[in-house]
Amino acid sequence: MSHLRPLVAPKVIAGRSGVRHHGRVTADRHRLIAEALGRSPRTIVEIGDGYDFEVAIVDDDWVFRFPRRSTVEEALELEIALLPSLAPALPVDVPSFEHVSRDPLFVGYRLIRGEPLVDEDADGVCAFIEALHAVDPSGLPAKRPDWLEAYREQCADFERLVLPLLDKDRRAQATRLFGDAETLVDFEPTLLHADLGPEHLLVRDRRLAGVIDWGDMCLGDPALDYAWLLNGPFADWNVDPELRRRARFYHRLAPWYEAHYGLFTNRPAHIERGLARISERL
C-alpha cells in the first residue's frame, strides 16, 4: 500500500537472557533472527507501526522485515527479485538482502543509516527519481496494473467505506476528487517506488543516502513518485504542469488509505488521523 506516514521507533526495554527488546517481540521472532545471524542478538527494537510489515532493528546494524499477512508476501518477493538488478542503476543505497528465509518468509539486510528527509538535497532527490524512472522495465517482473481501473476501484472503495465518515459539507468535494481519477491517462508508464514519503527517503550529512521499503514497486504514472515531494519540500520544482496536477491528485488521495486501513484493522487512531488529513487536503 502506498501511504505517506512516518514510522516511529518505540522505546527499547530490558528483556530476558540479557537481550533488550520491545515487549511485542515474540520468542519465535527472536529465534528466527538468531538463526539467521548464527548468534543471539544483543538488542532488538521493533517498529510495530507499519501497515504491511513488522520491522525489527537488530544490534543497531541489521533490519529484519516480516510480512504481517500472506497477501503482503508477494510484495516482499518482488523486492527480493528486483532490488539486486535495480541497485546498480541508482545513485543511493537500497536494501541488500543478505538473509532471505521462505519458511516463513522474511528478510534481513544491513541497516541503511539516515534520518527521514525534510527538505535536504533537492538535486540528489531529483537525480534519484530520474534514474529510477529511466530504468528499462522490460524483462523485469514488476507489477503492471491497469492504472485507471485500479484507481477507479480504489476510489469506489473509499467512497463506500470512508466517505460516510466525513462531515456532510465535505462529501461533495470528496466526490469531485474521486471523479478526477478518470483523468489519470496519457502518461508514459515508468518503474515506480510508489511510496516516496519522508520515512522512506533517508538523509545522512544532508545528502540523500538511501531509499527503503520497495514493496509497492510497479509500472505506472511517474507523477505518483512526485506526490509528496511536489506538495511538500520541493513545491518550486520546474515540472510539467500535467505531471504536477496528477501528483496533486495522488497527494490528496493519500490520507484516504490511512482511514481505510484504520477501518480494516479496527484502529481508531488511524481513522481519526486519516480523516483529519483528508479534510486538510480536500
C-alpha atoms as a PDB file:
ATOM      1  CA  MET A   1       0.000   0.000   0.000  1.00  0.00           C
ATOM      2  CA  SER A   2       1.144   3.486  -0.757  1.00  0.00           C
ATOM      3  CA  HIS A   3       0.901   5.745   2.276  1.00  0.00           C
ATOM      4  CA  LEU A   4       2.883   8.799   3.337  1.00  0.00           C
ATOM      5  CA  ARG A   5       3.297   8.335   7.024  1.00  0.00           C
ATOM      6  CA  PRO A   6       6.302   8.182   9.348  1.00  0.00           C
ATOM      7  CA  LEU A   7       7.238   5.116  11.348  1.00  0.00           C
ATOM      8  CA  VAL A   8       8.170   5.805  14.950  1.00  0.00           C
ATOM      9  CA  ALA A   9      10.605   3.504  16.708  1.00  0.00           C
ATOM     10  CA  PRO A  10       9.386   2.510  20.197  1.00  0.00           C
ATOM     11  CA  LYS A  11      11.472   2.614  23.319  1.00  0.00           C
ATOM     12  CA  VAL A  12      13.889  -0.263  23.902  1.00  0.00           C
ATOM     13  CA  ILE A  13      13.347  -2.071  27.193  1.00  0.00           C
ATOM     14  CA  ALA A  14      15.114  -4.820  29.094  1.00  0.00           C
ATOM     15  CA  GLY A  15      14.219  -8.392  28.175  1.00  0.00           C
ATOM     16  CA  ARG A  16      15.208 -11.892  29.172  1.00  0.00           C
ATOM     17  CA  SER A  17      18.589 -13.523  28.665  1.00  0.00           C
ATOM     18  CA  GLY A  18      20.314 -10.145  28.572  1.00  0.00           C
ATOM     19  CA  VAL A  19      18.670  -9.216  25.267  1.00  0.00           C
ATOM     20  CA  ARG A  20      16.967  -5.848  25.194  1.00  0.00           C
ATOM     21  CA  HIS A  21      13.844  -5.756  23.090  1.00  0.00           C
ATOM     22  CA  HIS A  22      10.440  -4.222  22.702  1.00  0.00           C
ATOM     23  CA  GLY A  23       7.691  -6.074  24.516  1.00  0.00           C
ATOM     24  CA  ARG A  24       5.955  -7.171  21.294  1.00  0.00           C
ATOM     25  CA  VAL A  25       8.963  -9.158  20.058  1.00  0.00           C
ATOM     26  CA  THR A  26       7.900 -12.784  20.301  1.00  0.00           C
ATOM     27  CA  ALA A  27      10.088 -15.718  21.208  1.00  0.00           C
ATOM     28  CA  ASP A  28       9.531 -17.049  17.686  1.00  0.00           C
ATOM     29  CA  ARG A  29      10.772 -13.810  16.092  1.00  0.00           C
ATOM     30  CA  HIS A  30      13.804 -13.830  18.380  1.00  0.00           C
ATOM     31  CA  ARG A  31      14.582 -17.428  17.381  1.00  0.00           C
ATOM     32  CA  LEU A  32      14.267 -16.703  13.644  1.00  0.00           C
ATOM     33  CA  ILE A  33      16.570 -13.694  13.898  1.00  0.00           C
ATOM     34  CA  ALA A  34      19.122 -15.636  15.955  1.00  0.00           C
ATOM     35  CA  GLU A  35      19.107 -18.480  13.429  1.00  0.00           C
ATOM     36  CA  ALA A  36      19.614 -16.031  10.550  1.00  0.00           C
ATOM     37  CA  LEU A  37      22.549 -14.320  12.261  1.00  0.00           C
ATOM     38  CA  GLY A  38      24.039 -17.502  13.675  1.00  0.00           C
ATOM     39  CA  ARG A  39      24.106 -15.965  17.142  1.00  0.00           C
ATOM     40  CA  SER A  40      21.826 -14.447  19.744  1.00  0.00           C
ATOM     41  CA  PRO A  41      21.097 -10.752  19.095  1.00  0.00           C
ATOM     42  CA  ARG A  42      22.093  -8.259  21.770  1.00  0.00           C
ATOM     43  CA  THR A  43      19.304  -5.742  21.135  1.00  0.00           C
ATOM     44  CA  ILE A  44      16.063  -5.782  19.183  1.00  0.00           C
ATOM     45  CA  VAL A  45      13.984  -2.676  18.568  1.00  0.00           C
ATOM     46  CA  GLU A  46      10.681  -3.485  16.912  1.00  0.00           C
ATOM     47  CA  ILE A  47       8.942  -0.878  14.788  1.00  0.00           C
ATOM     48  CA  GLY A  48       5.370  -2.040  15.053  1.00  0.00           C
ATOM     49  CA  ASP A  49       3.505   0.770  13.335  1.00  0.00           C
ATOM     50  CA  GLY A  50       3.919  -0.262   9.705  1.00  0.00           C
ATOM     51  CA  TYR A  51       0.968  -1.175   7.526  1.00  0.00           C
ATOM     52  CA  ASP A  52       2.306  -4.305   5.889  1.00  0.00           C
ATOM     53  CA  PHE A  53       5.465  -5.404   7.714  1.00  0.00           C
ATOM     54  CA  GLU A  54       6.762  -5.927  11.207  1.00  0.00           C
ATOM     55  CA  VAL A  55      10.255  -4.422  11.261  1.00  0.00           C
ATOM     56  CA  ALA A  56      12.968  -5.173  13.809  1.00  0.00           C
ATOM     57  CA  ILE A  57      16.237  -3.243  14.150  1.00  0.00           C
ATOM     58  CA  VAL A  58      18.788  -5.719  15.487  1.00  0.00           C
ATOM     59  CA  ASP A  59      22.018  -4.695  17.233  1.00  0.00           C
ATOM     60  CA  ASP A  60      21.709  -1.272  15.550  1.00  0.00           C
ATOM     61  CA  ASP A  61      23.175  -2.947  12.485  1.00  0.00           C
ATOM     62  CA  TRP A  62      20.531  -5.169  10.861  1.00  0.00           C
ATOM     63  CA  VAL A  63      16.945  -4.701   9.694  1.00  0.00           C
ATOM     64  CA  PHE A  64      14.606  -7.700   9.627  1.00  0.00           C
ATOM     65  CA  ARG A  65      11.216  -7.443   7.910  1.00  0.00           C
ATOM     66  CA  PHE A  66       8.361  -9.889   8.447  1.00  0.00           C
ATOM     67  CA  PRO A  67       5.146  -9.716   6.362  1.00  0.00           C
ATOM     68  CA  ARG A  68       2.103  -9.093   8.529  1.00  0.00           C
ATOM     69  CA  ARG A  69      -0.146 -11.304   6.360  1.00  0.00           C
ATOM     70  CA  SER A  70       0.054 -13.642   3.412  1.00  0.00           C
ATOM     71  CA  THR A  71      -1.226 -11.039   0.949  1.00  0.00           C
ATOM     72  CA  VAL A  72       1.929  -8.966   1.560  1.00  0.00           C
ATOM     73  CA  GLU A  73       4.301 -11.804   0.742  1.00  0.00           C
ATOM     74  CA  GLU A  74       4.049 -11.125  -2.995  1.00  0.00           C
ATOM     75  CA  ALA A  75       5.347  -7.581  -2.414  1.00  0.00           C
ATOM     76  CA  LEU A  76       8.348  -8.888  -0.488  1.00  0.00           C
ATOM     77  CA  GLU A  77       9.082 -11.486  -3.169  1.00  0.00           C
ATOM     78  CA  LEU A  78       9.065  -8.615  -5.665  1.00  0.00           C
ATOM     79  CA  GLU A  79      11.678  -6.743  -3.656  1.00  0.00           C
ATOM     80  CA  ILE A  80      13.813  -9.877  -3.405  1.00  0.00           C
ATOM     81  CA  ALA A  81      13.644 -10.347  -7.176  1.00  0.00           C
ATOM     82  CA  LEU A  82      14.060  -6.742  -8.337  1.00  0.00           C
ATOM     83  CA  LEU A  83      16.350  -4.880  -5.959  1.00  0.00           C
ATOM     84  CA  PRO A  84      19.596  -6.671  -6.908  1.00  0.00           C
ATOM     85  CA  SER A  85      19.060  -5.656 -10.561  1.00  0.00           C
ATOM     86  CA  LEU A  86      17.894  -2.161  -9.699  1.00  0.00           C
ATOM     87  CA  ALA A  87      20.603  -1.187  -7.189  1.00  0.00           C
ATOM     88  CA  PRO A  88      23.449  -0.570  -9.698  1.00  0.00           C
ATOM     89  CA  ALA A  89      21.288   1.900 -11.643  1.00  0.00           C
ATOM     90  CA  LEU A  90      20.559   4.128  -8.645  1.00  0.00           C
ATOM     91  CA  PRO A  91      22.750   6.834  -7.029  1.00  0.00           C
ATOM     92  CA  VAL A  92      21.677   5.854  -3.477  1.00  0.00           C
ATOM     93  CA  ASP A  93      21.743   2.770  -1.274  1.00  0.00           C
ATOM     94  CA  VAL A  94      18.823   0.359  -1.302  1.00  0.00           C
ATOM     95  CA  PRO A  95      18.332  -2.734   0.861  1.00  0.00           C
ATOM     96  CA  SER A  96      20.624  -5.630   0.003  1.00  0.00           C
ATOM     97  CA  PHE A  97      19.060  -8.769   1.426  1.00  0.00           C
ATOM     98  CA  GLU A  98      21.784 -10.893   2.990  1.00  0.00           C
ATOM     99  CA  HIS A  99      19.289 -13.108   4.815  1.00  0.00           C
ATOM    100  CA  VAL A 100      16.288 -14.480   2.923  1.00  0.00           C
ATOM    101  CA  SER A 101      14.016 -17.068   4.515  1.00  0.00           C
ATOM    102  CA  ARG A 102      10.980 -18.501   2.766  1.00  0.00           C
ATOM    103  CA  ASP A 103       9.569 -20.739   5.505  1.00  0.00           C
ATOM    104  CA  PRO A 104       8.469 -18.446   6.986  1.00  0.00           C
ATOM    105  CA  LEU A 105       9.129 -15.626   4.550  1.00  0.00           C
ATOM    106  CA  PHE A 106      11.268 -12.782   5.936  1.00  0.00           C
ATOM    107  CA  VAL A 107      14.421 -10.871   5.007  1.00  0.00           C
ATOM    108  CA  GLY A 108      17.372  -9.241   6.737  1.00  0.00           C
ATOM    109  CA  TYR A 109      19.669  -6.516   5.458  1.00  0.00           C
ATOM    110  CA  ARG A 110      22.310  -4.149   6.766  1.00  0.00           C
ATOM    111  CA  LEU A 111      20.823  -1.011   8.283  1.00  0.00           C
ATOM    112  CA  ILE A 112      20.937   1.990   5.947  1.00  0.00           C
ATOM    113  CA  ARG A 113      21.679   4.859   8.281  1.00  0.00           C
ATOM    114  CA  GLY A 114      19.920   8.175   7.911  1.00  0.00           C
ATOM    115  CA  GLU A 115      17.071  10.380   9.045  1.00  0.00           C
ATOM    116  CA  PRO A 116      13.771  10.959   7.221  1.00  0.00           C
ATOM    117  CA  LEU A 117      14.027  13.615   4.547  1.00  0.00           C
ATOM    118  CA  VAL A 118      12.750  17.075   5.441  1.00  0.00           C
ATOM    119  CA  ASP A 119      13.860  19.351   2.624  1.00  0.00           C
ATOM    120  CA  GLU A 120      17.524  18.450   2.080  1.00  0.00           C
ATOM    121  CA  ASP A 121      19.392  17.675  -1.133  1.00  0.00           C
ATOM    122  CA  ALA A 122      16.867  18.637  -3.789  1.00  0.00           C
ATOM    123  CA  ASP A 123      19.386  17.809  -6.513  1.00  0.00           C
ATOM    124  CA  GLY A 124      20.095  14.384  -5.058  1.00  0.00           C
ATOM    125  CA  VAL A 125      16.409  13.530  -4.725  1.00  0.00           C
ATOM    126  CA  CYS A 126      15.772  14.675  -8.286  1.00  0.00           C
ATOM    127  CA  ALA A 127      18.707  12.606  -9.562  1.00  0.00           C
ATOM    128  CA  PHE A 128      17.390   9.536  -7.767  1.00  0.00           C
ATOM    129  CA  ILE A 129      13.890   9.840  -9.256  1.00  0.00           C
ATOM    130  CA  GLU A 130      15.222  10.498 -12.735  1.00  0.00           C
ATOM    131  CA  ALA A 131      17.498   7.452 -12.509  1.00  0.00           C
ATOM    132  CA  LEU A 132      14.672   5.247 -11.262  1.00  0.00           C
ATOM    133  CA  HIS A 133      12.239   6.397 -13.925  1.00  0.00           C
ATOM    134  CA  ALA A 134      14.871   5.867 -16.621  1.00  0.00           C
ATOM    135  CA  VAL A 135      15.285   2.163 -15.786  1.00  0.00           C
ATOM    136  CA  ASP A 136      14.230  -0.072 -18.665  1.00  0.00           C
ATOM    137  CA  PRO A 137      11.477  -2.253 -17.173  1.00  0.00           C
ATOM    138  CA  SER A 138      11.389  -4.778 -19.985  1.00  0.00           C
ATOM    139  CA  GLY A 139      12.214  -8.184 -18.614  1.00  0.00           C
ATOM    140  CA  LEU A 140      11.677  -7.107 -15.004  1.00  0.00           C
ATOM    141  CA  PRO A 141       8.971  -8.989 -13.049  1.00  0.00           C
ATOM    142  CA  ALA A 142       7.391  -5.716 -11.900  1.00  0.00           C
ATOM    143  CA  LYS A 143       3.657  -5.368 -11.378  1.00  0.00           C
ATOM    144  CA  ARG A 144       1.849  -3.815 -14.353  1.00  0.00           C
ATOM    145  CA  PRO A 145      -1.562  -2.768 -13.045  1.00  0.00           C
ATOM    146  CA  ASP A 146      -4.382  -1.411 -15.172  1.00  0.00           C
ATOM    147  CA  TRP A 147      -3.788   2.059 -13.763  1.00  0.00           C
ATOM    148  CA  LEU A 148      -7.096   3.738 -14.478  1.00  0.00           C
ATOM    149  CA  GLU A 149      -9.166   0.734 -13.445  1.00  0.00           C
ATOM    150  CA  ALA A 150      -7.150   0.292 -10.247  1.00  0.00           C
ATOM    151  CA  TYR A 151      -7.830   3.891  -9.190  1.00  0.00           C
ATOM    152  CA  ARG A 152     -11.488   3.660 -10.158  1.00  0.00           C
ATOM    153  CA  GLU A 153     -11.847   0.643  -7.903  1.00  0.00           C
ATOM    154  CA  GLN A 154      -9.854   2.219  -5.085  1.00  0.00           C
ATOM    155  CA  CYS A 155     -11.877   5.419  -5.143  1.00  0.00           C
ATOM    156  CA  ALA A 156     -15.108   3.433  -5.239  1.00  0.00           C
ATOM    157  CA  ASP A 157     -13.948   1.581  -2.130  1.00  0.00           C
ATOM    158  CA  PHE A 158     -13.102   4.840  -0.379  1.00  0.00           C
ATOM    159  CA  GLU A 159     -16.479   6.286  -1.383  1.00  0.00           C
ATOM    160  CA  ARG A 160     -18.311   3.290   0.032  1.00  0.00           C
ATOM    161  CA  LEU A 161     -16.416   2.930   3.305  1.00  0.00           C
ATOM    162  CA  VAL A 162     -14.666   6.183   4.244  1.00  0.00           C
ATOM    163  CA  LEU A 163     -16.820   8.921   2.680  1.00  0.00           C
ATOM    164  CA  PRO A 164     -19.743   8.347   5.106  1.00  0.00           C
ATOM    165  CA  LEU A 165     -17.397   9.240   7.986  1.00  0.00           C
ATOM    166  CA  LEU A 166     -16.740  12.740   6.615  1.00  0.00           C
ATOM    167  CA  ASP A 167     -18.728  15.798   7.587  1.00  0.00           C
ATOM    168  CA  LYS A 168     -21.614  16.123   5.152  1.00  0.00           C
ATOM    169  CA  ASP A 169     -20.422  19.510   3.907  1.00  0.00           C
ATOM    170  CA  ARG A 170     -17.122  17.942   2.713  1.00  0.00           C
ATOM    171  CA  ARG A 171     -18.576  14.985   0.844  1.00  0.00           C
ATOM    172  CA  ALA A 172     -19.205  16.834  -2.413  1.00  0.00           C
ATOM    173  CA  GLN A 173     -15.529  17.857  -2.530  1.00  0.00           C
ATOM    174  CA  ALA A 174     -14.515  14.274  -1.951  1.00  0.00           C
ATOM    175  CA  THR A 175     -16.786  13.055  -4.738  1.00  0.00           C
ATOM    176  CA  ARG A 176     -15.174  15.526  -7.124  1.00  0.00           C
ATOM    177  CA  LEU A 177     -11.745  14.246  -6.081  1.00  0.00           C
ATOM    178  CA  PHE A 178     -12.769  10.690  -6.869  1.00  0.00           C
ATOM    179  CA  GLY A 179     -14.031  11.850 -10.248  1.00  0.00           C
ATOM    180  CA  ASP A 180     -10.550  13.135 -11.058  1.00  0.00           C
ATOM    181  CA  ALA A 181      -9.368   9.519 -11.180  1.00  0.00           C
ATOM    182  CA  GLU A 182     -10.768   9.481 -14.718  1.00  0.00           C
ATOM    183  CA  THR A 183      -8.012  11.906 -15.757  1.00  0.00           C
ATOM    184  CA  LEU A 184      -5.141   9.540 -14.866  1.00  0.00           C
ATOM    185  CA  VAL A 185      -4.342   8.869 -18.519  1.00  0.00           C
ATOM    186  CA  ASP A 186      -1.931   9.882 -21.275  1.00  0.00           C
ATOM    187  CA  PHE A 187       1.321   9.275 -19.414  1.00  0.00           C
ATOM    188  CA  GLU A 188       4.282   7.054 -20.247  1.00  0.00           C
ATOM    189  CA  PRO A 189       4.498   4.349 -17.562  1.00  0.00           C
ATOM    190  CA  THR A 190       7.804   4.093 -15.719  1.00  0.00           C
ATOM    191  CA  LEU A 191       9.168   1.946 -12.920  1.00  0.00           C
ATOM    192  CA  LEU A 192       7.978   3.481  -9.636  1.00  0.00           C
ATOM    193  CA  HIS A 193       8.897   3.198  -5.993  1.00  0.00           C
ATOM    194  CA  ALA A 194       5.240   4.173  -5.396  1.00  0.00           C
ATOM    195  CA  ASP A 195       5.570   5.154  -1.719  1.00  0.00           C
ATOM    196  CA  LEU A 196       8.063   8.017  -1.570  1.00  0.00           C
ATOM    197  CA  GLY A 197       7.233   9.608   1.738  1.00  0.00           C
ATOM    198  CA  PRO A 198       9.817  11.143   4.053  1.00  0.00           C
ATOM    199  CA  GLU A 199      10.254   7.971   6.105  1.00  0.00           C
ATOM    200  CA  HIS A 200      11.466   6.065   3.051  1.00  0.00           C
ATOM    201  CA  LEU A 201      13.961   8.736   1.893  1.00  0.00           C
ATOM    202  CA  LEU A 202      16.927   8.625   4.260  1.00  0.00           C
ATOM    203  CA  VAL A 203      19.294  11.566   4.608  1.00  0.00           C
ATOM    204  CA  ARG A 204      22.816  11.437   6.012  1.00  0.00           C
ATOM    205  CA  ASP A 205      25.068  14.516   6.219  1.00  0.00           C
ATOM    206  CA  ARG A 206      22.321  16.475   4.402  1.00  0.00           C
ATOM    207  CA  ARG A 207      22.526  14.202   1.341  1.00  0.00           C
ATOM    208  CA  LEU A 208      20.036  11.601   0.196  1.00  0.00           C
ATOM    209  CA  ALA A 209      21.791   8.388   1.212  1.00  0.00           C
ATOM    210  CA  GLY A 210      19.234   5.613   0.881  1.00  0.00           C
ATOM    211  CA  VAL A 211      15.714   4.665  -0.159  1.00  0.00           C
ATOM    212  CA  ILE A 212      13.897   1.826   1.603  1.00  0.00           C
ATOM    213  CA  ASP A 213      10.599  -0.104   1.580  1.00  0.00           C
ATOM    214  CA  TRP A 214      10.168  -1.010  -2.081  1.00  0.00           C
ATOM    215  CA  GLY A 215       7.185  -3.342  -1.697  1.00  0.00           C
ATOM    216  CA  ASP A 216       4.817  -1.131  -3.718  1.00  0.00           C
ATOM    217  CA  MET A 217       7.178  -1.021  -6.708  1.00  0.00           C
ATOM    218  CA  CYS A 218       5.312  -1.228 -10.020  1.00  0.00           C
ATOM    219  CA  LEU A 219       4.982   0.238 -13.501  1.00  0.00           C
ATOM    220  CA  GLY A 220       2.730   3.257 -13.559  1.00  0.00           C
ATOM    221  CA  ASP A 221       2.295   7.010 -13.537  1.00  0.00           C
ATOM    222  CA  PRO A 222       5.590   8.784 -12.729  1.00  0.00           C
ATOM    223  CA  ALA A 223       3.575  11.546 -11.043  1.00  0.00           C
ATOM    224  CA  LEU A 224       2.906   9.203  -8.112  1.00  0.00           C
ATOM    225  CA  ASP A 225       6.570   9.357  -7.070  1.00  0.00           C
ATOM    226  CA  TYR A 226       6.332  13.160  -7.020  1.00  0.00           C
ATOM    227  CA  ALA A 227       3.144  13.299  -4.933  1.00  0.00           C
ATOM    228  CA  TRP A 228       4.663  14.250  -1.577  1.00  0.00           C
ATOM    229  CA  LEU A 229       7.753  15.940  -2.992  1.00  0.00           C
ATOM    230  CA  LEU A 230       5.850  18.490  -5.098  1.00  0.00           C
ATOM    231  CA  ASN A 231       3.305  19.098  -2.343  1.00  0.00           C
ATOM    232  CA  GLY A 232       5.857  19.282   0.448  1.00  0.00           C
ATOM    233  CA  PRO A 233       9.563  20.064   0.365  1.00  0.00           C
ATOM    234  CA  PHE A 234      10.087  20.807  -3.335  1.00  0.00           C
ATOM    235  CA  ALA A 235       6.994  22.659  -4.459  1.00  0.00           C
ATOM    236  CA  ASP A 236       9.148  25.005  -6.560  1.00  0.00           C
ATOM    237  CA  TRP A 237      10.497  22.259  -8.834  1.00  0.00           C
ATOM    238  CA  ASN A 238      10.031  23.054 -12.505  1.00  0.00           C
ATOM    239  CA  VAL A 239       7.988  20.110 -13.797  1.00  0.00           C
ATOM    240  CA  ASP A 240       5.386  19.528 -16.471  1.00  0.00           C
ATOM    241  CA  PRO A 241       2.067  21.106 -15.374  1.00  0.00           C
ATOM    242  CA  GLU A 242       0.148  17.918 -16.138  1.00  0.00           C
ATOM    243  CA  LEU A 243       2.528  15.842 -14.020  1.00  0.00           C
ATOM    244  CA  ARG A 244       2.106  18.380 -11.211  1.00  0.00           C
ATOM    245  CA  ARG A 245      -1.686  18.147 -11.482  1.00  0.00           C
ATOM    246  CA  ARG A 246      -1.666  14.356 -11.221  1.00  0.00           C
ATOM    247  CA  ALA A 247       0.849  14.476  -8.351  1.00  0.00           C
ATOM    248  CA  ARG A 248      -1.567  16.754  -6.524  1.00  0.00           C
ATOM    249  CA  PHE A 249      -4.349  14.217  -7.009  1.00  0.00           C
ATOM    250  CA  TYR A 250      -2.244  11.421  -5.509  1.00  0.00           C
ATOM    251  CA  HIS A 251      -1.243  13.653  -2.602  1.00  0.00           C
ATOM    252  CA  ARG A 252      -4.872  14.489  -1.844  1.00  0.00           C
ATOM    253  CA  LEU A 253      -5.840  10.830  -2.042  1.00  0.00           C
ATOM    254  CA  ALA A 254      -3.046   9.575   0.249  1.00  0.00           C
ATOM    255  CA  PRO A 255      -4.786  10.060   3.641  1.00  0.00           C
ATOM    256  CA  TRP A 256      -7.789   8.062   2.459  1.00  0.00           C
ATOM    257  CA  TYR A 257      -5.553   4.992   2.639  1.00  0.00           C
ATOM    258  CA  GLU A 258      -4.837   5.628   6.295  1.00  0.00           C
ATOM    259  CA  ALA A 259      -8.501   5.997   7.219  1.00  0.00           C
ATOM    260  CA  HIS A 260      -9.340   2.897   5.183  1.00  0.00           C
ATOM    261  CA  TYR A 261      -6.543   0.963   6.898  1.00  0.00           C
ATOM    262  CA  GLY A 262      -7.879   2.035  10.288  1.00  0.00           C
ATOM    263  CA  LEU A 263     -11.305   0.660   9.380  1.00  0.00           C
ATOM    264  CA  PHE A 264      -9.786  -2.548   8.037  1.00  0.00           C
ATOM    265  CA  THR A 265      -7.732  -3.176  11.194  1.00  0.00           C
ATOM    266  CA  ASN A 266     -10.096  -1.595  13.742  1.00  0.00           C
ATOM    267  CA  ARG A 267      -7.601   1.098  14.764  1.00  0.00           C
ATOM    268  CA  PRO A 268      -9.497   4.280  15.679  1.00  0.00           C
ATOM    269  CA  ALA A 269      -6.343   6.415  15.854  1.00  0.00           C
ATOM    270  CA  HIS A 270      -5.592   5.712  12.200  1.00  0.00           C
ATOM    271  CA  ILE A 271      -9.184   6.538  11.253  1.00  0.00           C
ATOM    272  CA  GLU A 272      -9.104   9.846  13.109  1.00  0.00           C
ATOM    273  CA  ARG A 273      -5.706  10.846  11.739  1.00  0.00           C
ATOM    274  CA  GLY A 274      -6.716   9.877   8.225  1.00  0.00           C
ATOM    275  CA  LEU A 275      -9.980  11.851   8.397  1.00  0.00           C
ATOM    276  CA  ALA A 276      -8.176  14.922   9.706  1.00  0.00           C
ATOM    277  CA  ARG A 277      -5.678  14.825   6.850  1.00  0.00           C
ATOM    278  CA  ILE A 278      -8.431  14.171   4.317  1.00  0.00           C
ATOM    279  CA  SER A 279     -10.159  17.379   5.427  1.00  0.00           C
ATOM    280  CA  GLU A 280      -6.891  19.313   5.216  1.00  0.00           C
ATOM    281  CA  ARG A 281      -6.278  18.236   1.605  1.00  0.00           C
ATOM    282  CA  LEU A 282      -9.758  18.460   0.112  1.00  0.00           C
END
